[in-house]
Amino acid sequence: MFLYISTADLNPIGHPLRQVCLLADQALDRLNPTFCQLCPEGGRPSSPPEQLLLALLLQAIYDIRSERMLIEHLDHNLIFRRFVALNPDDHVWHPTTFIKNRDRLLTEELMTLFLELLLVAPEVKPLR
């Protein structure tokens, strides 16, 4: 398949994931030093922790019940691919690889810090 448009253009202007993506990128920028410590130079390449966090955020937002279904959605949905920073022709992780990398790279503290950084953004309004 030939794609002559940007993946950013696939996400409609008013789609809520656009704003969530901006907030998530800001939170990930603040976590960048932590990611650099997680992934030492050399060794076997693994899934980037940023993409793992974004995929888990998608799983929570859309209430996707399993990692297998999440990977299936990422394989077929271009808006989800754009959110997780995967190009249309990138291979999606195998579910077991995703789970192993998630368990190895992402600690409970890191996920909590990511969510806290998302929730303290001024654009996020608390539910009342």
Protein backbone atom coordinates (compact mmCIF):
# COMPACT_ATOMS: atom_id res chain seq x y z
CA MET A 1 0.00 0.00 0.00
CA PHE A 2 1.28 3.47 -0.84
CA LEU A 3 0.51 6.23 1.62
CA TYR A 4 0.80 9.78 0.33
CA ILE A 5 -0.35 11.57 3.46
CA SER A 6 1.13 12.03 6.89
CA THR A 7 -0.09 9.72 9.62
CA ALA A 8 -0.88 12.86 11.61
CA ASP A 9 -3.48 13.73 8.97
CA LEU A 10 -5.28 10.43 9.56
CA ASN A 11 -6.35 11.59 13.00
CA PRO A 12 -9.30 13.99 12.60
CA ILE A 13 -8.77 17.52 13.94
CA GLY A 14 -11.32 17.25 16.76
CA HIS A 15 -10.36 13.73 17.83
CA PRO A 16 -9.64 13.53 21.59
CA LEU A 17 -6.49 11.46 21.04
CA ARG A 18 -4.79 14.52 19.52
CA GLN A 19 -4.91 16.38 22.85
CA VAL A 20 -4.02 13.26 24.84
CA CYS A 21 -1.04 12.73 22.53
CA LEU A 22 0.22 16.26 23.19
CA LEU A 23 -0.10 15.80 26.96
CA ALA A 24 1.55 12.37 26.82
CA ASP A 25 4.46 13.75 24.77
CA GLN A 26 5.03 16.46 27.38
CA ALA A 27 5.03 13.87 30.17
CA LEU A 28 7.38 11.59 28.22
CA ASP A 29 9.79 14.49 27.62
CA ARG A 30 10.03 14.98 31.38
CA LEU A 31 10.69 11.25 31.84
CA ASN A 32 13.42 11.11 29.19
CA PRO A 33 16.34 10.97 31.68
CA THR A 34 14.72 7.95 33.31
CA PHE A 35 14.33 6.23 29.95
CA CYS A 36 18.02 6.83 29.19
CA GLN A 37 18.91 4.95 32.38
CA LEU A 38 16.59 2.07 31.48
CA CYS A 39 18.10 1.47 28.06
CA PRO A 40 21.89 1.21 28.21
CA GLU A 41 23.98 1.50 25.05
CA GLY A 42 24.60 -1.74 23.19
CA GLY A 43 22.89 -5.02 23.85
CA ARG A 44 19.82 -6.37 22.20
CA PRO A 45 17.33 -3.74 21.02
CA SER A 46 13.95 -3.79 22.70
CA SER A 47 10.69 -1.93 22.49
CA PRO A 48 11.11 1.73 23.42
CA PRO A 49 9.64 2.38 26.89
CA GLU A 50 7.88 5.47 25.52
CA GLN A 51 5.93 3.34 23.06
CA LEU A 52 5.11 0.79 25.74
CA LEU A 53 3.70 3.51 28.00
CA LEU A 54 1.67 5.01 25.17
CA ALA A 55 0.30 1.58 24.22
CA LEU A 56 -0.72 0.94 27.84
CA LEU A 57 -2.37 4.36 27.96
CA LEU A 58 -4.34 3.45 24.83
CA GLN A 59 -5.31 0.17 26.44
CA ALA A 60 -6.66 2.04 29.47
CA ILE A 61 -8.45 4.76 27.49
CA TYR A 62 -10.23 2.34 25.18
CA ASP A 63 -10.72 -0.38 27.81
CA ILE A 64 -8.98 -3.02 25.71
CA ARG A 65 -9.15 -6.12 27.87
CA SER A 66 -5.91 -7.89 26.93
CA GLU A 67 -2.48 -7.25 25.50
CA ARG A 68 -3.29 -9.59 22.62
CA MET A 69 -6.27 -7.46 21.64
CA LEU A 70 -4.19 -4.30 22.07
CA ILE A 71 -1.59 -5.62 19.63
CA GLU A 72 -4.35 -6.59 17.21
CA HIS A 73 -5.78 -3.06 17.40
CA LEU A 74 -2.32 -1.57 16.84
CA ASP A 75 -1.87 -3.81 13.83
CA HIS A 76 -5.06 -2.59 12.14
CA ASN A 77 -5.83 0.91 13.41
CA LEU A 78 -3.76 3.74 11.90
CA ILE A 79 -4.91 6.25 14.52
CA PHE A 80 -3.64 3.95 17.27
CA ARG A 81 -0.37 3.47 15.37
CA ARG A 82 0.06 7.23 15.14
CA PHE A 83 -0.57 7.60 18.88
CA VAL A 84 2.09 5.00 19.74
CA ALA A 85 4.52 6.50 17.17
CA LEU A 86 4.50 3.50 14.83
CA ASN A 87 4.65 4.09 11.09
CA PRO A 88 2.08 2.29 8.92
CA ASP A 89 4.74 -0.14 7.68
CA ASP A 90 6.38 -0.81 11.08
CA HIS A 91 5.98 -4.26 12.54
CA VAL A 92 3.84 -4.42 15.65
CA TRP A 93 5.23 -6.35 18.59
CA HIS A 94 4.27 -9.93 19.24
CA PRO A 95 2.03 -10.02 22.36
CA THR A 96 4.52 -12.08 24.39
CA THR A 97 7.36 -9.72 23.43
CA PHE A 98 5.22 -6.76 24.42
CA ILE A 99 4.45 -8.30 27.82
CA LYS A 100 8.09 -9.26 28.50
CA ASN A 101 9.36 -5.80 27.57
CA ARG A 102 6.62 -4.14 29.58
CA ASP A 103 7.46 -6.19 32.67
CA ARG A 104 11.20 -5.64 32.23
CA LEU A 105 11.23 -1.94 31.40
CA LEU A 106 8.25 -0.42 33.11
CA THR A 107 8.07 -0.43 36.86
CA GLU A 108 5.04 0.49 38.89
CA GLU A 109 6.80 3.69 39.97
CA LEU A 110 7.50 4.70 36.37
CA MET A 111 3.91 4.11 35.29
CA THR A 112 2.64 6.02 38.33
CA LEU A 113 4.96 8.94 37.60
CA PHE A 114 3.82 9.00 33.96
CA LEU A 115 0.15 9.13 34.98
CA GLU A 116 0.85 11.80 37.61
CA LEU A 117 2.60 13.95 35.00
CA LEU A 118 -0.40 13.54 32.72
CA LEU A 119 -2.91 14.42 35.42
CA VAL A 120 -1.14 17.56 36.69
CA ALA A 121 -1.26 19.18 33.26
CA PRO A 122 -3.42 22.33 33.37
CA GLU A 123 -5.51 21.05 30.43
CA VAL A 124 -6.72 18.07 32.46
CA LYS A 125 -9.86 18.87 34.39
CA PRO A 126 -10.81 16.67 37.34
CA LEU A 127 -14.10 14.82 37.26
CA ARG A 128 -16.59 16.07 39.80
